[in-house]
Amino acid sequence: MKLLSIIWDVNPVMIDLGITSIHWYGLLFALGLYLGYYIADYMFKKEGSDRKNLDRITSWVIVSTILGARIGHCLFYEPDIYLADPLRILKIWEGGLASHGAGVGIISGLIIYSKLYKTPVLWILDRLAVVTALAGMLIRTGNLMNSEILGHPTHVPWAFIFVQIDQVPRHPAMLYEAICYLLIFILLFTLFMKGRMKEQDGRFFGAFLILVFSVRFLIEFVKIDQVAFEQGMALNMGQILSIPFIIAGIYFYWPKNALKNENI
């Protein structure tokens, strides 16, 4: 029986305006922020929370995401290059964003925010967890449009041939992640609608960390190495960085260990 593959030959550039261009990745990244704000606004309205607080939180999240993702990529995946030329970190247009770095950046930024504006950080993180899963889905879809974060060669019938890279049927690893993140969003949002978020601050955040980074850990097994130093490693950098997030998720999710708002 002849195996079928999906031919993927999408131009990463959505619109070429000559002096500049609009890329699918950038559009989907921005869409993730927009939809995240829209859904978070709905959640705030439903709970009767101050929407001005959401506007401030959104600004902090955007800045923390970009800074954390960029610095994380530079330090986790290519430290020799960026430590030799630190100013190159500012060249975001060259590419290079790390989701683990974004996670650290967002959490760190919101801890500072909670101190400045006297808002419990776990309360914020619970609500952001829901929309962040959706944003993650859109970002991984952007990776698909860029033909990046590829999987190992495979003969499964749903394999993708990324024409702009090679002619080898591969696991669409970024699509696996996108689908899983969408399912996590649907799960968390459904639980929110049922009023489960009020049971214990931090538990939604914990569930998010467990689910998202467990998915990331497992899917890394079908991904090709992102950087040369990962060759021969039992666990790659993405898996190593996922483990602390999973442990933290268990800590926050487990009822007897969940921290009280006033202690954060």
Foldseek 3Di string as FASTA:
>chain_A
DDFAEAEDEFAQFPADPPVDTHGQLVVLLVVLLVVLLVVLCVLCVVVVHDVVVSVVLSVLLVVLQVVQFLVCQCVLPPVVVCVVPVVCSVVCVVPGGHRLSSVVSSLVSLVVVCVVPVDQSLQVLLSSLLSVLLSLLSNLVSCSSVVDQWFDADRHNHFYQHVVVHRGGADSLSNQLSVQSVVLNVVSVVCVVVVNCVPDRQQSSLVSLQRNLVSQLVSVVGTDAPHDVQPPPPGGSSNVSSVVSNVVSCQCNDVVRNDDRVVD
